[in-house]
Amino acid sequence: MRCKPSAGNKNLKHKKGLWSPDEDKKLKDYILNYGLGCWSSVPINAGLQRNGKSCRLRWTNYLRPGLKRGKFTTHEEEIIVNLHGVLGNK
């Protein structure tokens, strides 16, 4: 079942390109306050001129709490090497 975005957004032009810090803050604040739901309605309710897919990808890949960035630790590298030895390239 699909969620229904508001009917008045058919002719809106979606913004493309780099995200501004203000847009990041709006998206993060909205999701932290209201939670995850229908991604096509998130940009409308958060006051963004983006499409739902862009918001979902921005949240998933850059903004969500607990997202770890940077190099692997020595312990994580050992786990990867051991699992590769057991599972191969699966």
PDB file of N, CA and C in Angstrom:
ATOM      1  N   MET A   1       0.839  -1.166   0.000  1.00  0.00           N
ATOM      2  CA  MET A   1       0.000   0.000   0.000  1.00  0.00           C
ATOM      3  C   MET A   1       0.890   1.237   0.000  1.00  0.00           C
ATOM      4  N   ARG A   2       0.601   2.167  -0.866  1.00  0.00           N
ATOM      5  CA  ARG A   2       1.400   3.380  -0.978  1.00  0.00           C
ATOM      6  C   ARG A   2       0.818   4.482  -0.120  1.00  0.00           C
ATOM      7  N   CYS A   3       1.673   5.341   0.346  1.00  0.00           N
ATOM      8  CA  CYS A   3       1.188   6.497   1.085  1.00  0.00           C
ATOM      9  C   CYS A   3       0.765   7.568   0.093  1.00  0.00           C
ATOM     10  N   LYS A   4      -0.069   8.456   0.539  1.00  0.00           N
ATOM     11  CA  LYS A   4      -0.604   9.468  -0.354  1.00  0.00           C
ATOM     12  C   LYS A   4      -0.040  10.839   0.010  1.00  0.00           C
ATOM     13  N   PRO A   5       0.829  11.388  -0.850  1.00  0.00           N
ATOM     14  CA  PRO A   5       1.286  12.747  -0.598  1.00  0.00           C
ATOM     15  C   PRO A   5       0.155  13.720  -0.880  1.00  0.00           C
ATOM     16  N   SER A   6       0.331  14.953  -0.455  1.00  0.00           N
ATOM     17  CA  SER A   6      -0.742  15.918  -0.667  1.00  0.00           C
ATOM     18  C   SER A   6      -0.969  16.132  -2.157  1.00  0.00           C
ATOM     19  N   ALA A   7      -2.213  16.399  -2.541  1.00  0.00           N
ATOM     20  CA  ALA A   7      -2.601  16.474  -3.946  1.00  0.00           C
ATOM     21  C   ALA A   7      -2.064  17.716  -4.641  1.00  0.00           C
ATOM     22  N   GLY A   8      -1.704  18.756  -3.925  1.00  0.00           N
ATOM     23  CA  GLY A   8      -1.307  19.998  -4.535  1.00  0.00           C
ATOM     24  C   GLY A   8       0.148  20.095  -4.943  1.00  0.00           C
ATOM     25  N   ASN A   9       0.894  19.012  -4.898  1.00  0.00           N
ATOM     26  CA  ASN A   9       2.321  19.105  -5.181  1.00  0.00           C
ATOM     27  C   ASN A   9       2.711  18.579  -6.550  1.00  0.00           C
ATOM     28  N   LYS A  10       1.793  18.438  -7.471  1.00  0.00           N
ATOM     29  CA  LYS A  10       2.093  17.866  -8.781  1.00  0.00           C
ATOM     30  C   LYS A  10       3.002  18.770  -9.614  1.00  0.00           C
ATOM     31  N   ASN A  11       2.867  20.079  -9.515  1.00  0.00           N
ATOM     32  CA  ASN A  11       3.603  20.993 -10.378  1.00  0.00           C
ATOM     33  C   ASN A  11       4.817  21.627  -9.711  1.00  0.00           C
ATOM     34  N   LEU A  12       5.188  21.169  -8.532  1.00  0.00           N
ATOM     35  CA  LEU A  12       6.350  21.725  -7.850  1.00  0.00           C
ATOM     36  C   LEU A  12       7.629  21.259  -8.529  1.00  0.00           C
ATOM     37  N   LYS A  13       8.587  22.163  -8.638  1.00  0.00           N
ATOM     38  CA  LYS A  13       9.898  21.782  -9.151  1.00  0.00           C
ATOM     39  C   LYS A  13      10.753  21.376  -7.966  1.00  0.00           C
ATOM     40  N   HIS A  14      11.333  20.198  -8.059  1.00  0.00           N
ATOM     41  CA  HIS A  14      12.180  19.708  -6.977  1.00  0.00           C
ATOM     42  C   HIS A  14      13.593  20.241  -7.156  1.00  0.00           C
ATOM     43  N   LYS A  15      14.191  20.592  -6.062  1.00  0.00           N
ATOM     44  CA  LYS A  15      15.554  21.087  -6.070  1.00  0.00           C
ATOM     45  C   LYS A  15      16.502  19.912  -6.257  1.00  0.00           C
ATOM     46  N   LYS A  16      17.549  20.130  -7.023  1.00  0.00           N
ATOM     47  CA  LYS A  16      18.562  19.101  -7.235  1.00  0.00           C
ATOM     48  C   LYS A  16      19.908  19.644  -6.801  1.00  0.00           C
ATOM     49  N   GLY A  17      20.855  18.773  -6.625  1.00  0.00           N
ATOM     50  CA  GLY A  17      22.207  19.213  -6.304  1.00  0.00           C
ATOM     51  C   GLY A  17      22.531  19.088  -4.829  1.00  0.00           C
ATOM     52  N   LEU A  18      23.523  19.856  -4.424  1.00  0.00           N
ATOM     53  CA  LEU A  18      24.025  19.776  -3.058  1.00  0.00           C
ATOM     54  C   LEU A  18      22.972  20.203  -2.039  1.00  0.00           C
ATOM     55  N   TRP A  19      23.036  19.573  -0.885  1.00  0.00           N
ATOM     56  CA  TRP A  19      22.144  19.924   0.231  1.00  0.00           C
ATOM     57  C   TRP A  19      22.800  21.031   1.050  1.00  0.00           C
ATOM     58  N   SER A  20      22.008  21.989   1.452  1.00  0.00           N
ATOM     59  CA  SER A  20      22.514  23.054   2.317  1.00  0.00           C
ATOM     60  C   SER A  20      22.422  22.597   3.779  1.00  0.00           C
ATOM     61  N   PRO A  21      23.203  23.210   4.657  1.00  0.00           N
ATOM     62  CA  PRO A  21      23.093  22.875   6.087  1.00  0.00           C
ATOM     63  C   PRO A  21      21.686  23.126   6.634  1.00  0.00           C
ATOM     64  N   ASP A  22      21.000  24.148   6.110  1.00  0.00           N
ATOM     65  CA  ASP A  22      19.634  24.441   6.547  1.00  0.00           C
ATOM     66  C   ASP A  22      18.677  23.306   6.165  1.00  0.00           C
ATOM     67  N   GLU A  23      18.837  22.775   4.953  1.00  0.00           N
ATOM     68  CA  GLU A  23      17.997  21.649   4.526  1.00  0.00           C
ATOM     69  C   GLU A  23      18.281  20.414   5.374  1.00  0.00           C
ATOM     70  N   ASP A  24      19.561  20.157   5.653  1.00  0.00           N
ATOM     71  CA  ASP A  24      19.917  19.022   6.506  1.00  0.00           C
ATOM     72  C   ASP A  24      19.251  19.152   7.875  1.00  0.00           C
ATOM     73  N   LYS A  25      19.294  20.362   8.430  1.00  0.00           N
ATOM     74  CA  LYS A  25      18.705  20.584   9.751  1.00  0.00           C
ATOM     75  C   LYS A  25      17.200  20.361   9.722  1.00  0.00           C
ATOM     76  N   LYS A  26      16.523  20.861   8.679  1.00  0.00           N
ATOM     77  CA  LYS A  26      15.069  20.675   8.568  1.00  0.00           C
ATOM     78  C   LYS A  26      14.708  19.191   8.492  1.00  0.00           C
ATOM     79  N   LEU A  27      15.441  18.447   7.653  1.00  0.00           N
ATOM     80  CA  LEU A  27      15.158  17.022   7.502  1.00  0.00           C
ATOM     81  C   LEU A  27      15.422  16.272   8.804  1.00  0.00           C
ATOM     82  N   LYS A  28      16.562  16.535   9.418  1.00  0.00           N
ATOM     83  CA  LYS A  28      16.922  15.839  10.657  1.00  0.00           C
ATOM     84  C   LYS A  28      15.930  16.158  11.775  1.00  0.00           C
ATOM     85  N   ASP A  29      15.586  17.421  11.941  1.00  0.00           N
ATOM     86  CA  ASP A  29      14.625  17.818  12.971  1.00  0.00           C
ATOM     87  C   ASP A  29      13.267  17.167  12.749  1.00  0.00           C
ATOM     88  N   TYR A  30      12.821  17.146  11.485  1.00  0.00           N
ATOM     89  CA  TYR A  30      11.513  16.554  11.190  1.00  0.00           C
ATOM     90  C   TYR A  30      11.500  15.066  11.546  1.00  0.00           C
ATOM     91  N   ILE A  31      12.508  14.336  11.113  1.00  0.00           N
ATOM     92  CA  ILE A  31      12.516  12.886  11.345  1.00  0.00           C
ATOM     93  C   ILE A  31      12.693  12.567  12.830  1.00  0.00           C
ATOM     94  N   LEU A  32      13.513  13.334  13.523  1.00  0.00           N
ATOM     95  CA  LEU A  32      13.694  13.086  14.957  1.00  0.00           C
ATOM     96  C   LEU A  32      12.418  13.407  15.742  1.00  0.00           C
ATOM     97  N   ASN A  33      11.638  14.376  15.284  1.00  0.00           N
ATOM     98  CA  ASN A  33      10.387  14.731  15.964  1.00  0.00           C
ATOM     99  C   ASN A  33       9.228  13.805  15.612  1.00  0.00           C
ATOM    100  N   TYR A  34       9.108  13.432  14.333  1.00  0.00           N
ATOM    101  CA  TYR A  34       7.936  12.693  13.874  1.00  0.00           C
ATOM    102  C   TYR A  34       8.223  11.253  13.481  1.00  0.00           C
ATOM    103  N   GLY A  35       9.482  10.885  13.395  1.00  0.00           N
ATOM    104  CA  GLY A  35       9.830   9.511  13.058  1.00  0.00           C
ATOM    105  C   GLY A  35       9.775   9.242  11.569  1.00  0.00           C
ATOM    106  N   LEU A  36      10.170   8.029  11.214  1.00  0.00           N
ATOM    107  CA  LEU A  36      10.140   7.619   9.818  1.00  0.00           C
ATOM    108  C   LEU A  36       8.729   7.245   9.431  1.00  0.00           C
ATOM    109  N   GLY A  37       8.384   7.516   8.227  1.00  0.00           N
ATOM    110  CA  GLY A  37       7.054   7.180   7.741  1.00  0.00           C
ATOM    111  C   GLY A  37       7.078   7.114   6.237  1.00  0.00           C
ATOM    112  N   CYS A  38       6.142   7.769   5.635  1.00  0.00           N
ATOM    113  CA  CYS A  38       6.034   7.806   4.184  1.00  0.00           C
ATOM    114  C   CYS A  38       7.031   8.834   3.641  1.00  0.00           C
ATOM    115  N   TRP A  39       8.017   8.371   2.893  1.00  0.00           N
ATOM    116  CA  TRP A  39       9.073   9.267   2.427  1.00  0.00           C
ATOM    117  C   TRP A  39       8.568  10.300   1.435  1.00  0.00           C
ATOM    118  N   SER A  40       7.507  10.007   0.705  1.00  0.00           N
ATOM    119  CA  SER A  40       7.017  10.997  -0.250  1.00  0.00           C
ATOM    120  C   SER A  40       6.331  12.170   0.439  1.00  0.00           C
ATOM    121  N   SER A  41       5.914  11.992   1.671  1.00  0.00           N
ATOM    122  CA  SER A  41       5.295  13.101   2.391  1.00  0.00           C
ATOM    123  C   SER A  41       6.286  13.861   3.280  1.00  0.00           C
ATOM    124  N   VAL A  42       7.460  13.298   3.518  1.00  0.00           N
ATOM    125  CA  VAL A  42       8.446  13.944   4.387  1.00  0.00           C
ATOM    126  C   VAL A  42       8.876  15.313   3.862  1.00  0.00           C
ATOM    127  N   PRO A  43       9.260  15.454   2.583  1.00  0.00           N
ATOM    128  CA  PRO A  43       9.712  16.783   2.148  1.00  0.00           C
ATOM    129  C   PRO A  43       8.602  17.837   2.208  1.00  0.00           C
ATOM    130  N   ILE A  44       7.379  17.441   1.970  1.00  0.00           N
ATOM    131  CA  ILE A  44       6.250  18.373   2.021  1.00  0.00           C
ATOM    132  C   ILE A  44       6.058  18.862   3.449  1.00  0.00           C
ATOM    133  N   ASN A  45       6.020  17.928   4.376  1.00  0.00           N
ATOM    134  CA  ASN A  45       5.783  18.271   5.780  1.00  0.00           C
ATOM    135  C   ASN A  45       6.972  18.964   6.437  1.00  0.00           C
ATOM    136  N   ALA A  46       8.181  18.681   5.952  1.00  0.00           N
ATOM    137  CA  ALA A  46       9.374  19.284   6.536  1.00  0.00           C
ATOM    138  C   ALA A  46       9.695  20.638   5.911  1.00  0.00           C
ATOM    139  N   GLY A  47       8.983  21.002   4.864  1.00  0.00           N
ATOM    140  CA  GLY A  47       9.222  22.287   4.215  1.00  0.00           C
ATOM    141  C   GLY A  47      10.413  22.278   3.276  1.00  0.00           C
ATOM    142  N   LEU A  48      10.659  21.138   2.631  1.00  0.00           N
ATOM    143  CA  LEU A  48      11.784  21.019   1.701  1.00  0.00           C
ATOM    144  C   LEU A  48      11.273  20.952   0.262  1.00  0.00           C
ATOM    145  N   GLN A  49      12.060  21.429  -0.660  1.00  0.00           N
ATOM    146  CA  GLN A  49      11.709  21.335  -2.076  1.00  0.00           C
ATOM    147  C   GLN A  49      12.500  20.207  -2.723  1.00  0.00           C
ATOM    148  N   ARG A  50      12.493  19.078  -2.093  1.00  0.00           N
ATOM    149  CA  ARG A  50      13.177  17.876  -2.578  1.00  0.00           C
ATOM    150  C   ARG A  50      12.128  16.794  -2.788  1.00  0.00           C
ATOM    151  N   ASN A  51      12.516  15.716  -3.457  1.00  0.00           N
ATOM    152  CA  ASN A  51      11.580  14.600  -3.556  1.00  0.00           C
ATOM    153  C   ASN A  51      11.856  13.605  -2.425  1.00  0.00           C
ATOM    154  N   GLY A  52      10.950  12.670  -2.242  1.00  0.00           N
ATOM    155  CA  GLY A  52      11.054  11.724  -1.135  1.00  0.00           C
ATOM    156  C   GLY A  52      12.281  10.838  -1.223  1.00  0.00           C
ATOM    157  N   LYS A  53      12.648  10.443  -2.443  1.00  0.00           N
ATOM    158  CA  LYS A  53      13.805   9.572  -2.602  1.00  0.00           C
ATOM    159  C   LYS A  53      15.082  10.292  -2.166  1.00  0.00           C
ATOM    160  N   SER A  54      15.199  11.555  -2.534  1.00  0.00           N
ATOM    161  CA  SER A  54      16.364  12.336  -2.147  1.00  0.00           C
ATOM    162  C   SER A  54      16.458  12.458  -0.625  1.00  0.00           C
ATOM    163  N   CYS A  55      15.325  12.677   0.022  1.00  0.00           N
ATOM    164  CA  CYS A  55      15.306  12.775   1.490  1.00  0.00           C
ATOM    165  C   CYS A  55      15.682  11.447   2.133  1.00  0.00           C
ATOM    166  N   ARG A  56      15.137  10.354   1.593  1.00  0.00           N
ATOM    167  CA  ARG A  56      15.440   9.033   2.146  1.00  0.00           C
ATOM    168  C   ARG A  56      16.925   8.716   2.028  1.00  0.00           C
ATOM    169  N   LEU A  57      17.509   8.983   0.869  1.00  0.00           N
ATOM    170  CA  LEU A  57      18.924   8.701   0.677  1.00  0.00           C
ATOM    171  C   LEU A  57      19.805   9.594   1.547  1.00  0.00           C
ATOM    172  N   ARG A  58      19.432  10.871   1.689  1.00  0.00           N
ATOM    173  CA  ARG A  58      20.211  11.779   2.527  1.00  0.00           C
ATOM    174  C   ARG A  58      20.198  11.317   3.980  1.00  0.00           C
ATOM    175  N   TRP A  59      19.016  10.888   4.448  1.00  0.00           N
ATOM    176  CA  TRP A  59      18.892  10.409   5.827  1.00  0.00           C
ATOM    177  C   TRP A  59      19.693   9.118   6.018  1.00  0.00           C
ATOM    178  N   THR A  60      19.515   8.171   5.121  1.00  0.00           N
ATOM    179  CA  THR A  60      20.138   6.858   5.260  1.00  0.00           C
ATOM    180  C   THR A  60      21.662   6.922   5.174  1.00  0.00           C
ATOM    181  N   ASN A  61      22.177   7.720   4.253  1.00  0.00           N
ATOM    182  CA  ASN A  61      23.612   7.708   3.990  1.00  0.00           C
ATOM    183  C   ASN A  61      24.425   8.762   4.727  1.00  0.00           C
ATOM    184  N   TYR A  62      23.768   9.821   5.247  1.00  0.00           N
ATOM    185  CA  TYR A  62      24.545  10.903   5.841  1.00  0.00           C
ATOM    186  C   TYR A  62      24.067  11.377   7.208  1.00  0.00           C
ATOM    187  N   LEU A  63      22.772  11.419   7.459  1.00  0.00           N
ATOM    188  CA  LEU A  63      22.265  12.128   8.630  1.00  0.00           C
ATOM    189  C   LEU A  63      21.828  11.260   9.795  1.00  0.00           C
ATOM    190  N   ARG A  64      21.563   9.993   9.561  1.00  0.00           N
ATOM    191  CA  ARG A  64      20.980   9.203  10.648  1.00  0.00           C
ATOM    192  C   ARG A  64      21.950   9.029  11.796  1.00  0.00           C
ATOM    193  N   PRO A  65      21.425   9.093  13.027  1.00  0.00           N
ATOM    194  CA  PRO A  65      22.279   8.929  14.203  1.00  0.00           C
ATOM    195  C   PRO A  65      22.874   7.517  14.250  1.00  0.00           C
ATOM    196  N   GLY A  66      24.065   7.420  14.743  1.00  0.00           N
ATOM    197  CA  GLY A  66      24.709   6.124  14.860  1.00  0.00           C
ATOM    198  C   GLY A  66      25.434   5.683  13.607  1.00  0.00           C
ATOM    199  N   LEU A  67      25.391   6.477  12.564  1.00  0.00           N
ATOM    200  CA  LEU A  67      26.083   6.138  11.328  1.00  0.00           C
ATOM    201  C   LEU A  67      27.579   6.318  11.547  1.00  0.00           C
ATOM    202  N   LYS A  68      28.333   5.262  11.306  1.00  0.00           N
ATOM    203  CA  LYS A  68      29.766   5.309  11.557  1.00  0.00           C
ATOM    204  C   LYS A  68      30.491   5.647  10.265  1.00  0.00           C
ATOM    205  N   ARG A  69      31.374   6.607  10.344  1.00  0.00           N
ATOM    206  CA  ARG A  69      32.176   7.009   9.189  1.00  0.00           C
ATOM    207  C   ARG A  69      33.648   6.870   9.555  1.00  0.00           C
ATOM    208  N   GLY A  70      34.464   6.685   8.560  1.00  0.00           N
ATOM    209  CA  GLY A  70      35.896   6.626   8.813  1.00  0.00           C
ATOM    210  C   GLY A  70      36.448   5.233   8.572  1.00  0.00           C
ATOM    211  N   LYS A  71      37.664   5.034   9.038  1.00  0.00           N
ATOM    212  CA  LYS A  71      38.370   3.777   8.809  1.00  0.00           C
ATOM    213  C   LYS A  71      37.855   2.681   9.741  1.00  0.00           C
ATOM    214  N   PHE A  72      38.071   1.436   9.302  1.00  0.00           N
ATOM    215  CA  PHE A  72      37.750   0.301  10.142  1.00  0.00           C
ATOM    216  C   PHE A  72      38.769   0.208  11.274  1.00  0.00           C
ATOM    217  N   THR A  73      38.321  -0.261  12.443  1.00  0.00           N
ATOM    218  CA  THR A  73      39.249  -0.512  13.538  1.00  0.00           C
ATOM    219  C   THR A  73      39.985  -1.818  13.261  1.00  0.00           C
ATOM    220  N   THR A  74      41.032  -2.082  14.006  1.00  0.00           N
ATOM    221  CA  THR A  74      41.797  -3.316  13.837  1.00  0.00           C
ATOM    222  C   THR A  74      40.914  -4.534  14.099  1.00  0.00           C
ATOM    223  N   HIS A  75      40.067  -4.441  15.115  1.00  0.00           N
ATOM    224  CA  HIS A  75      39.159  -5.541  15.444  1.00  0.00           C
ATOM    225  C   HIS A  75      38.171  -5.786  14.290  1.00  0.00           C
ATOM    226  N   GLU A  76      37.643  -4.717  13.707  1.00  0.00           N
ATOM    227  CA  GLU A  76      36.706  -4.870  12.583  1.00  0.00           C
ATOM    228  C   GLU A  76      37.400  -5.481  11.369  1.00  0.00           C
ATOM    229  N   GLU A  77      38.638  -5.093  11.121  1.00  0.00           N
ATOM    230  CA  GLU A  77      39.394  -5.676  10.006  1.00  0.00           C
ATOM    231  C   GLU A  77      39.597  -7.175  10.207  1.00  0.00           C
ATOM    232  N   GLU A  78      39.894  -7.582  11.439  1.00  0.00           N
ATOM    233  CA  GLU A  78      40.068  -9.005  11.737  1.00  0.00           C
ATOM    234  C   GLU A  78      38.777  -9.774  11.483  1.00  0.00           C
ATOM    235  N   ILE A  79      37.659  -9.215  11.897  1.00  0.00           N
ATOM    236  CA  ILE A  79      36.356  -9.864  11.667  1.00  0.00           C
ATOM    237  C   ILE A  79      36.110 -10.033  10.172  1.00  0.00           C
ATOM    238  N   ILE A  80      36.383  -8.983   9.399  1.00  0.00           N
ATOM    239  CA  ILE A  80      36.160  -9.040   7.943  1.00  0.00           C
ATOM    240  C   ILE A  80      37.026 -10.119   7.309  1.00  0.00           C
ATOM    241  N   VAL A  81      38.312 -10.161   7.671  1.00  0.00           N
ATOM    242  CA  VAL A  81      39.226 -11.155   7.100  1.00  0.00           C
ATOM    243  C   VAL A  81      38.788 -12.563   7.485  1.00  0.00           C
ATOM    244  N   ASN A  82      38.395 -12.780   8.747  1.00  0.00           N
ATOM    245  CA  ASN A  82      37.958 -14.111   9.180  1.00  0.00           C
ATOM    246  C   ASN A  82      36.685 -14.540   8.462  1.00  0.00           C
ATOM    247  N   LEU A  83      35.725 -13.628   8.352  1.00  0.00           N
ATOM    248  CA  LEU A  83      34.479 -13.977   7.657  1.00  0.00           C
ATOM    249  C   LEU A  83      34.706 -14.216   6.170  1.00  0.00           C
ATOM    250  N   HIS A  84      35.634 -13.480   5.589  1.00  0.00           N
ATOM    251  CA  HIS A  84      35.948 -13.723   4.170  1.00  0.00           C
ATOM    252  C   HIS A  84      36.578 -15.085   3.985  1.00  0.00           C
ATOM    253  N   GLY A  85      37.392 -15.492   4.951  1.00  0.00           N
ATOM    254  CA  GLY A  85      37.986 -16.824   4.877  1.00  0.00           C
ATOM    255  C   GLY A  85      36.932 -17.918   4.980  1.00  0.00           C
ATOM    256  N   VAL A  86      35.882 -17.681   5.761  1.00  0.00           N
ATOM    257  CA  VAL A  86      34.822 -18.672   5.952  1.00  0.00           C
ATOM    258  C   VAL A  86      33.831 -18.638   4.786  1.00  0.00           C
ATOM    259  N   LEU A  87      33.390 -17.434   4.410  1.00  0.00           N
ATOM    260  CA  LEU A  87      32.313 -17.297   3.411  1.00  0.00           C
ATOM    261  C   LEU A  87      32.793 -17.050   2.000  1.00  0.00           C
ATOM    262  N   GLY A  88      33.993 -16.579   1.846  1.00  0.00           N
ATOM    263  CA  GLY A  88      34.476 -16.226   0.502  1.00  0.00           C
ATOM    264  C   GLY A  88      33.873 -14.905   0.042  1.00  0.00           C
ATOM    265  N   ASN A  89      33.635 -14.783  -1.247  1.00  0.00           N
ATOM    266  CA  ASN A  89      33.132 -13.532  -1.819  1.00  0.00           C
ATOM    267  C   ASN A  89      31.610 -13.474  -1.891  1.00  0.00           C
ATOM    268  N   LYS A  90      30.924 -14.171  -1.012  1.00  0.00           N
ATOM    269  CA  LYS A  90      29.460 -14.168  -1.058  1.00  0.00           C
ATOM    270  C   LYS A  90      28.921 -12.846  -0.639  1.00  0.00           C
TER     271      LYS A  90
END
